[in-house]
């Protein structure tokens, strides 16, 4: 349940970033740019790309595969499209710069909350998120932060080369998501998982 809710909030956050017009997270921005260039629907292109990355995950990162991998890889694109269509139909795109900046700020919080729930559920992670973890395991002398920065920077470059938007939202995602995700991990997600474990132990004791 934590993983499912996390993916819903993650998709919502990505759709809000897209609505701002100031850039998305590097991977989503790259997928959107490549999808527009190829003429393939965003959600379908994301599935195709995830299938390609899943081959790498299957070979080198099998321990990171779980039901969360499938849900994120297959359904995230449709969740993003669902919420984006709602924002376009109801409030519409923000027109003024300050409105766009506020939209980015809201997207950061919602996206970080979703990532915190989805990743700490420990039931599998997306093929793209797995890449930096595989690199960390293969090159342990280099910290995870730098592996993630490398993959994000590569995605941002591809996004730019294919006409995608690189802006405030992209920079915030690259440098600002980590601390906010950590905040949610410590003050919310880990407490929920802790309460769940305690509840499970009490049930087990009662049944015994």
Protein backbone atom coordinates (compact mmCIF):
# COMPACT_ATOMS: atom_id res chain seq x y z
CA UNK A 1 0.00 0.00 0.00
CA UNK A 2 2.85 2.37 0.81
CA UNK A 3 4.41 1.67 -2.57
CA UNK A 4 1.13 2.24 -4.44
CA UNK A 5 0.41 5.52 -2.65
CA UNK A 6 4.00 6.60 -3.24
CA UNK A 7 3.72 6.05 -6.98
CA UNK A 8 0.47 8.02 -7.11
CA UNK A 9 2.08 10.99 -5.36
CA UNK A 10 5.20 10.63 -7.52
CA UNK A 11 3.12 10.73 -10.70
CA UNK A 12 1.19 13.70 -9.36
CA UNK A 13 4.44 15.55 -8.61
CA UNK A 14 5.86 14.90 -12.08
CA UNK A 15 2.64 16.17 -13.67
CA UNK A 16 2.88 19.38 -11.60
CA UNK A 17 6.49 19.88 -12.71
CA UNK A 18 5.36 19.51 -16.30
CA UNK A 19 2.54 22.00 -15.71
CA UNK A 20 4.99 24.63 -14.45
CA UNK A 21 6.77 24.81 -17.81
CA UNK A 22 10.09 25.30 -15.98
CA UNK A 23 11.49 21.83 -16.51
CA UNK A 24 10.97 18.41 -14.97
CA UNK A 25 13.23 15.95 -13.24
CA UNK A 26 16.02 14.91 -15.67
CA UNK A 27 14.70 11.41 -16.41
CA UNK A 28 11.07 12.44 -16.93
CA UNK A 29 12.18 15.44 -18.97
CA UNK A 30 14.30 13.19 -21.19
CA UNK A 31 11.42 10.73 -21.67
CA UNK A 32 9.03 13.56 -22.57
CA UNK A 33 11.50 15.03 -25.07
CA UNK A 34 12.19 11.67 -26.71
CA UNK A 35 8.48 10.83 -26.78
CA UNK A 36 7.66 14.13 -28.49
CA UNK A 37 10.46 13.58 -31.02
CA UNK A 38 9.39 10.02 -31.83
CA UNK A 39 5.67 10.80 -31.87
CA UNK A 40 4.94 8.07 -29.33
CA UNK A 41 2.63 8.75 -26.41
CA UNK A 42 4.60 9.59 -23.24
CA UNK A 43 3.21 6.72 -21.14
CA UNK A 44 3.89 4.14 -23.86
CA UNK A 45 7.38 5.46 -24.55
CA UNK A 46 8.17 5.28 -20.83
CA UNK A 47 7.15 1.61 -20.77
CA UNK A 48 9.36 0.84 -23.79
CA UNK A 49 12.34 2.61 -22.24
CA UNK A 50 11.77 0.88 -18.90
CA UNK A 51 11.73 -2.48 -20.65
CA UNK A 52 15.16 -1.69 -22.11
CA UNK A 53 16.53 -0.59 -18.73
CA UNK A 54 14.94 -3.61 -17.07
CA UNK A 55 17.30 -5.86 -19.04
CA UNK A 56 20.22 -4.17 -17.26
CA UNK A 57 18.41 -4.46 -13.93
CA UNK A 58 17.70 -8.15 -14.54
CA UNK A 59 21.36 -8.85 -15.28
CA UNK A 60 23.13 -6.69 -12.70
CA UNK A 61 20.53 -5.60 -10.17
CA UNK A 62 18.17 -8.51 -9.71
CA UNK A 63 17.92 -7.94 -5.95
CA UNK A 64 16.26 -4.57 -6.61
CA UNK A 65 13.39 -6.15 -8.56
CA UNK A 66 9.96 -6.46 -6.96
CA UNK A 67 6.32 -5.60 -7.48
CA UNK A 68 7.26 -1.94 -7.07
CA UNK A 69 9.46 -2.24 -10.15
CA UNK A 70 6.53 -3.38 -12.28
CA UNK A 71 4.08 -0.80 -10.92
CA UNK A 72 6.49 2.09 -11.44
CA UNK A 73 7.67 0.97 -14.87
CA UNK A 74 4.23 0.22 -16.30
CA UNK A 75 1.78 2.58 -14.61
CA UNK A 76 3.72 5.73 -13.66
CA UNK A 77 3.38 7.26 -17.13
CA UNK A 78 -0.38 6.82 -17.08
CA UNK A 79 -0.59 8.32 -13.58
CA UNK A 80 1.34 11.37 -14.79
CA UNK A 81 -0.92 11.76 -17.84
CA UNK A 82 -4.06 11.35 -15.71
CA UNK A 83 -3.14 14.14 -13.28
CA UNK A 84 -1.72 16.42 -15.99
CA UNK A 85 -5.02 16.30 -17.88
CA UNK A 86 -6.84 17.23 -14.67
CA UNK A 87 -4.57 20.25 -14.07
CA UNK A 88 -5.00 21.43 -17.65
CA UNK A 89 -8.79 21.12 -17.54
CA UNK A 90 -9.28 22.73 -14.11
CA UNK A 91 -6.74 25.42 -13.11
CA UNK A 92 -4.88 25.49 -16.45
CA UNK A 93 -1.23 26.35 -16.99
CA UNK A 94 0.23 29.10 -14.77
CA UNK A 95 0.97 32.21 -16.81
CA UNK A 96 3.04 34.46 -14.53
CA UNK A 97 6.60 33.61 -13.42
CA UNK A 98 5.75 33.67 -9.71
CA UNK A 99 2.90 31.26 -10.36
CA UNK A 100 5.26 28.93 -12.18
CA UNK A 101 7.81 29.10 -9.34
CA UNK A 102 5.12 28.26 -6.77
CA UNK A 103 4.02 25.36 -8.99
CA UNK A 104 7.59 24.05 -9.00
CA UNK A 105 7.75 24.33 -5.20
CA UNK A 106 4.51 22.36 -4.84
CA UNK A 107 5.82 19.77 -7.29
CA UNK A 108 9.03 19.36 -5.27
CA UNK A 109 7.18 18.63 -2.04
CA UNK A 110 4.68 16.20 -3.59
CA UNK A 111 7.31 14.44 -5.70
CA UNK A 112 9.67 14.07 -2.72
CA UNK A 113 6.87 12.65 -0.59
CA UNK A 114 6.05 10.13 -3.30
CA UNK A 115 9.67 9.06 -3.73
CA UNK A 116 10.04 8.66 0.03
CA UNK A 117 7.04 6.34 0.22
CA UNK A 118 7.87 4.41 -2.94
CA UNK A 119 11.56 3.79 -2.28
CA UNK A 120 11.36 2.97 1.43
CA UNK A 121 8.59 0.42 0.88
CA UNK A 122 11.35 -2.07 -0.06
CA UNK A 123 9.26 -3.93 -2.63
CA UNK A 124 11.33 -3.11 -5.72
CA UNK A 125 12.46 0.06 -7.44
CA UNK A 126 12.22 1.37 -11.00
CA UNK A 127 14.81 0.35 -13.61
CA UNK A 128 16.19 3.90 -13.91
CA UNK A 129 16.56 4.37 -10.14
CA UNK A 130 18.35 1.03 -10.07
CA UNK A 131 21.11 2.21 -12.43
CA UNK A 132 22.86 4.42 -9.87
CA UNK A 133 22.60 1.65 -7.26
CA UNK A 134 24.19 -0.85 -9.64
CA UNK A 135 26.96 1.64 -10.39
CA UNK A 136 27.48 2.19 -6.68
CA UNK A 137 27.88 -1.56 -6.13
CA UNK A 138 30.30 -1.88 -9.07
CA UNK A 139 32.33 1.22 -8.12
CA UNK A 140 32.05 1.47 -4.32
CA UNK A 141 34.85 4.02 -4.03
CA UNK A 142 32.55 6.58 -5.63
CA UNK A 143 29.61 7.67 -3.48
CA UNK A 144 26.00 7.07 -4.51
CA UNK A 145 25.42 10.82 -4.82
CA UNK A 146 27.91 11.10 -7.69
CA UNK A 147 26.54 8.06 -9.50
CA UNK A 148 23.05 9.57 -9.31
CA UNK A 149 24.37 12.94 -10.44
CA UNK A 150 26.00 11.28 -13.45
CA UNK A 151 22.82 9.52 -14.58
CA UNK A 152 20.72 12.65 -13.98
CA UNK A 153 23.19 14.88 -15.83
CA UNK A 154 23.22 12.46 -18.78
CA UNK A 155 19.41 12.51 -18.90
CA UNK A 156 19.40 16.31 -18.71
CA UNK A 157 21.85 16.50 -21.62
CA UNK A 158 19.73 14.16 -23.76
CA UNK A 159 16.62 16.14 -22.81
CA UNK A 160 18.31 19.36 -23.96
CA UNK A 161 19.61 17.86 -27.21
CA UNK A 162 16.13 16.65 -28.15
CA UNK A 163 14.44 19.96 -27.45
CA UNK A 164 13.21 19.31 -23.92
CA UNK A 165 12.87 21.97 -21.24
CA UNK A 166 15.82 22.45 -18.88
CA UNK A 167 14.98 25.01 -16.23
CA UNK A 168 14.38 25.72 -12.57
CA UNK A 169 12.42 22.52 -12.08
CA UNK A 170 15.29 20.44 -13.46
CA UNK A 171 17.87 22.08 -11.19
CA UNK A 172 15.65 21.77 -8.14
CA UNK A 173 15.14 18.07 -8.84
CA UNK A 174 18.84 17.44 -9.31
CA UNK A 175 19.98 19.25 -6.15
CA UNK A 176 16.94 19.75 -3.93
CA UNK A 177 14.97 16.51 -3.89
CA UNK A 178 17.48 14.62 -1.75
CA UNK A 179 17.18 16.72 1.44
CA UNK A 180 13.38 16.88 1.22
CA UNK A 181 13.11 13.13 0.61
CA UNK A 182 15.36 12.58 3.64
CA UNK A 183 13.07 14.83 5.70
CA UNK A 184 10.01 12.76 4.78
CA UNK A 185 11.95 9.53 5.39
CA UNK A 186 12.85 10.54 8.94
CA UNK A 187 9.69 12.33 10.02
CA UNK A 188 6.98 10.38 8.22
CA UNK A 189 7.75 7.27 6.18
CA UNK A 190 10.01 5.49 8.66
CA UNK A 191 7.52 6.16 11.46
CA UNK A 192 4.72 4.62 9.39
CA UNK A 193 6.81 1.54 8.66
CA UNK A 194 7.82 1.35 12.32
CA UNK A 195 4.19 1.44 13.46
CA UNK A 196 3.34 -1.24 10.91
CA UNK A 197 6.09 -3.53 12.18
CA UNK A 198 4.97 -3.00 15.80
CA UNK A 199 1.39 -3.74 14.81
CA UNK A 200 2.50 -6.93 13.07
CA UNK A 201 4.43 -8.05 16.16
CA UNK A 202 1.47 -7.41 18.46
CA UNK A 203 -0.83 -9.41 16.18
CA UNK A 204 1.67 -12.26 16.15
CA UNK A 205 1.88 -12.22 19.95
CA UNK A 206 -1.89 -12.30 20.28
CA UNK A 207 -2.17 -15.23 17.88
CA UNK A 208 0.49 -17.10 19.80
